[in-house]
Amino acid sequence: MAAELLHDRETFTVRRTHVSDMDNAVYLITAKASGEQILIDAADDVEALETLLRAGAEDAEQPASLKLIVTTHAHWDHTRATSELAERTGADVAIGDADAEQLAEERGVTAQRLAHGDRIGVAGVELEVIALRGHTAGSIALATPDETPVLLFTGDSLFPGGIGNTWKDPARFAQLLGDVRSRLFERFDDAIVYPGHGDGTTLAEERPALPEWERRGW
């Protein structure tokens, strides 16, 4: 699939491609001035991801290089190309602390462990780590906190129409809905949401449905 240009901001661009039969969304942020890149969820298909990197390189004023792969959570469908892409590019890998062991065991990748409130990035782009516990214990979202509107890359924690799968576990559902409500909806008046599968949405569009999500329990 083509590397779709989602945003052309003053200092960076955001491109997206979809891979695999699970319609995994992969996002690439390229800093224009430095050419340094962040890829969110190396889900599958290294060749498609390298096509995405080349498209992002066209947005840069300097030769581009992938510096960081951020994994929103350790589920298998979001990590299949992580090891190979990191080896090919020399990029570092980062993931939420509680999911780091699974990534190491399943993909052989030792990653930087991220905590809620951390700031990560490359020259020209900074992202804030927002822990959204419940889909997995270490699931994270990434925000562009200094941009208007804010961009949120939410992995499998928030989609159009509801939060991520918590497998009918009431405690996990309550944890994830609580995190999504307090750390996203109550913090940001509006933001553009880019989930780990399919198309995006906005907080403004989804906010009226929060009471219904709570009532239905999924």
Protein backbone atom coordinates (compact mmCIF):
# COMPACT_ATOMS: atom_id res chain seq x y z
CA MET A 1 0.00 0.00 0.00
CA ALA A 2 1.17 3.53 -0.74
CA ALA A 3 2.78 5.66 1.94
CA GLU A 4 -0.06 8.08 2.59
CA LEU A 5 0.86 11.60 3.70
CA LEU A 6 -1.32 12.41 6.72
CA HIS A 7 0.29 15.64 7.93
CA ASP A 8 2.79 18.15 6.65
CA ARG A 9 3.57 20.24 9.72
CA GLU A 10 6.15 23.00 9.99
CA THR A 11 8.90 20.78 11.37
CA PHE A 12 7.83 17.22 10.51
CA THR A 13 5.65 15.03 8.36
CA VAL A 14 3.53 12.00 9.23
CA ARG A 15 3.00 9.20 6.75
CA ARG A 16 1.07 5.96 7.10
CA THR A 17 0.91 2.59 5.43
CA HIS A 18 -1.17 -0.50 6.20
CA VAL A 19 0.31 -4.00 6.28
CA SER A 20 -0.87 -7.58 6.78
CA ASP A 21 -4.32 -9.11 6.52
CA MET A 22 -5.09 -7.52 9.92
CA ASP A 23 -4.90 -4.01 8.43
CA ASN A 24 -2.16 -2.92 10.81
CA ALA A 25 -1.46 0.80 10.57
CA VAL A 26 2.21 1.81 10.62
CA TYR A 27 3.11 5.46 11.10
CA LEU A 28 6.32 7.26 10.18
CA ILE A 29 7.31 10.67 11.54
CA THR A 30 10.12 12.43 9.69
CA ALA A 31 11.84 15.53 11.05
CA LYS A 32 12.29 17.85 8.10
CA ALA A 33 15.47 19.63 9.19
CA SER A 34 17.43 16.64 10.48
CA GLY A 35 15.99 13.81 8.40
CA GLU A 36 15.70 11.66 11.53
CA GLN A 37 12.69 9.36 11.66
CA ILE A 38 10.45 7.59 14.18
CA LEU A 39 8.42 4.57 13.11
CA ILE A 40 5.44 3.50 15.21
CA ASP A 41 4.72 -0.27 15.21
CA ALA A 42 6.88 -2.29 12.81
CA ALA A 43 3.99 -4.67 12.40
CA ASP A 44 4.90 -6.72 9.33
CA ASP A 45 6.33 -6.68 5.79
CA VAL A 46 9.79 -5.13 6.00
CA GLU A 47 9.79 -4.28 2.31
CA ALA A 48 6.60 -2.22 2.70
CA LEU A 49 8.11 -0.48 5.71
CA GLU A 50 11.25 0.36 3.76
CA THR A 51 9.04 1.84 1.03
CA LEU A 52 7.45 3.96 3.74
CA LEU A 53 10.89 5.09 4.94
CA ARG A 54 11.88 6.10 1.42
CA ALA A 55 8.70 8.12 1.02
CA GLY A 56 9.41 9.89 4.30
CA ALA A 57 12.96 10.61 3.18
CA GLU A 58 11.54 12.77 0.40
CA ASP A 59 10.13 15.09 3.09
CA ALA A 60 13.53 15.77 4.66
CA GLU A 61 16.09 18.47 3.99
CA GLN A 62 18.94 16.13 4.99
CA PRO A 63 19.58 12.45 4.20
CA ALA A 64 16.99 10.52 6.20
CA SER A 65 17.65 7.78 8.74
CA LEU A 66 15.38 5.74 10.97
CA LYS A 67 16.49 6.34 14.55
CA LEU A 68 13.67 4.93 16.66
CA ILE A 69 11.02 2.22 16.40
CA VAL A 70 8.33 2.66 19.04
CA THR A 71 6.08 -0.32 19.74
CA THR A 72 2.70 0.55 21.23
CA HIS A 73 2.33 -2.92 22.75
CA ALA A 74 3.84 -6.37 22.43
CA HIS A 75 1.06 -8.30 20.70
CA TRP A 76 2.43 -10.45 17.90
CA ASP A 77 0.67 -8.63 15.06
CA HIS A 78 2.36 -5.34 15.96
CA THR A 79 5.90 -6.68 16.25
CA ARG A 80 6.57 -9.10 13.39
CA ALA A 81 9.00 -6.85 11.53
CA THR A 82 10.57 -5.15 14.54
CA SER A 83 13.73 -7.22 14.80
CA GLU A 84 14.51 -7.27 11.09
CA LEU A 85 13.84 -3.58 10.56
CA ALA A 86 15.98 -2.65 13.56
CA GLU A 87 18.81 -4.81 12.21
CA ARG A 88 18.58 -3.31 8.72
CA THR A 89 18.48 0.29 9.89
CA GLY A 90 20.33 0.31 13.20
CA ALA A 91 17.32 1.95 14.85
CA ASP A 92 16.72 1.72 18.57
CA VAL A 93 13.48 0.13 19.80
CA ALA A 94 11.28 1.35 22.65
CA ILE A 95 8.17 -0.12 24.31
CA GLY A 96 6.10 0.26 27.47
CA ASP A 97 7.94 -1.19 30.46
CA ALA A 98 5.47 -3.97 31.27
CA ASP A 99 5.55 -5.28 27.67
CA ALA A 100 9.32 -5.22 27.24
CA GLU A 101 9.91 -8.77 28.45
CA GLN A 102 7.38 -10.21 26.00
CA LEU A 103 9.03 -8.36 23.11
CA ALA A 104 12.41 -9.72 24.16
CA GLU A 105 11.13 -13.29 24.48
CA GLU A 106 9.12 -13.38 21.25
CA ARG A 107 11.27 -11.21 18.96
CA GLY A 108 14.69 -11.24 20.57
CA VAL A 109 14.64 -7.46 20.86
CA THR A 110 16.02 -5.61 23.86
CA ALA A 111 14.14 -2.33 23.97
CA GLN A 112 14.20 0.90 25.90
CA ARG A 113 11.52 0.68 28.59
CA LEU A 114 9.04 3.55 28.59
CA ALA A 115 6.95 4.89 31.46
CA HIS A 116 3.94 7.19 31.59
CA GLY A 117 5.03 10.78 31.11
CA ASP A 118 8.34 10.02 29.43
CA ARG A 119 9.45 12.17 26.50
CA ILE A 120 11.17 10.49 23.57
CA GLY A 121 12.08 11.59 20.10
CA VAL A 122 14.69 12.54 17.54
CA ALA A 123 16.24 15.82 16.46
CA GLY A 124 13.24 17.98 15.64
CA VAL A 125 10.41 15.81 17.00
CA GLU A 126 9.37 15.07 20.58
CA LEU A 127 6.67 12.62 21.63
CA GLU A 128 5.06 12.13 25.01
CA VAL A 129 4.41 8.62 26.30
CA ILE A 130 0.92 8.04 27.70
CA ALA A 131 0.32 4.71 29.44
CA LEU A 132 -3.08 3.19 28.63
CA ARG A 133 -3.20 -0.01 30.65
CA GLY A 134 -5.68 -2.78 29.91
CA HIS A 135 -5.33 -4.08 26.37
CA THR A 136 -1.90 -5.11 27.61
CA ALA A 137 -0.24 -4.10 30.85
CA GLY A 138 2.35 -2.03 28.99
CA SER A 139 0.25 -0.48 26.23
CA ILE A 140 1.12 3.12 25.43
CA ALA A 141 -0.08 5.95 23.25
CA LEU A 142 2.20 8.62 21.82
CA ALA A 143 1.24 12.29 21.66
CA THR A 144 2.67 15.36 19.94
CA PRO A 145 2.08 17.59 22.99
CA ASP A 146 3.32 20.85 21.52
CA GLU A 147 1.30 20.67 18.30
CA THR A 148 -2.15 22.00 17.47
CA PRO A 149 -4.11 19.91 17.00
CA VAL A 150 -2.39 17.20 19.01
CA LEU A 151 -1.79 13.91 17.22
CA LEU A 152 -2.39 10.73 19.25
CA PHE A 153 -1.07 7.36 18.13
CA THR A 154 -3.11 5.00 20.29
CA GLY A 155 -2.13 1.48 19.25
CA ASP A 156 -4.94 -0.91 20.17
CA SER A 157 -6.17 1.14 23.13
CA LEU A 158 -8.57 3.53 21.39
CA PHE A 159 -10.41 3.15 18.09
CA PRO A 160 -13.34 4.79 16.35
CA GLY A 161 -16.30 3.50 18.33
CA GLY A 162 -14.59 2.27 21.48
CA ILE A 163 -11.57 1.22 23.46
CA GLY A 164 -9.40 -1.79 22.75
CA ASN A 165 -10.16 -5.42 23.52
CA THR A 166 -9.94 -6.35 27.20
CA TRP A 167 -11.35 -9.87 26.70
CA LYS A 168 -14.46 -9.34 28.87
CA ASP A 169 -12.32 -8.85 31.97
CA PRO A 170 -14.13 -6.22 34.07
CA ALA A 171 -10.98 -5.08 35.86
CA ARG A 172 -9.01 -4.64 32.64
CA PHE A 173 -11.93 -2.87 30.99
CA ALA A 174 -12.28 -0.46 33.92
CA GLN A 175 -8.54 0.20 33.90
CA LEU A 176 -8.38 0.94 30.19
CA LEU A 177 -11.52 3.05 30.08
CA GLY A 178 -10.30 4.97 33.12
CA ASP A 179 -6.92 5.65 31.55
CA VAL A 180 -8.44 6.65 28.22
CA ARG A 181 -10.91 8.97 29.92
CA SER A 182 -8.48 10.66 32.33
CA ARG A 183 -5.31 10.68 30.23
CA LEU A 184 -6.82 11.48 26.84
CA PHE A 185 -10.39 12.83 26.92
CA GLU A 186 -10.03 14.88 30.10
CA ARG A 187 -6.66 16.26 29.12
CA PHE A 188 -7.09 17.14 25.45
CA ASP A 189 -10.03 19.22 24.32
CA ASP A 190 -9.58 17.70 20.90
CA ALA A 191 -6.93 15.64 19.18
CA ILE A 192 -6.63 13.52 16.08
CA VAL A 193 -6.52 9.82 16.92
CA TYR A 194 -4.54 7.32 14.86
CA PRO A 195 -5.11 3.74 16.03
CA GLY A 196 -3.15 0.58 15.34
CA HIS A 197 -5.64 -0.75 12.79
CA GLY A 198 -7.86 0.91 10.25
CA ASP A 199 -8.65 4.59 9.99
CA GLY A 200 -8.48 7.44 12.46
CA THR A 201 -10.95 9.57 14.37
CA THR A 202 -10.93 12.52 16.77
CA LEU A 203 -11.53 12.86 20.50
CA ALA A 204 -14.31 15.33 19.77
CA GLU A 205 -16.13 12.79 17.62
CA GLU A 206 -15.81 9.99 20.16
CA ARG A 207 -16.37 11.93 23.41
CA PRO A 208 -20.21 11.82 23.39
CA ALA A 209 -20.10 8.01 23.29
CA LEU A 210 -18.08 7.54 26.49
CA PRO A 211 -21.14 6.86 28.68
CA GLU A 212 -22.36 4.24 26.20
CA TRP A 213 -18.96 2.53 26.18
CA GLU A 214 -19.08 2.32 29.96
CA ARG A 215 -22.63 0.88 29.95
CA ARG A 216 -21.94 -1.78 27.35
CA GLY A 217 -18.67 -2.90 28.99
CA TRP A 218 -16.53 -3.17 25.87
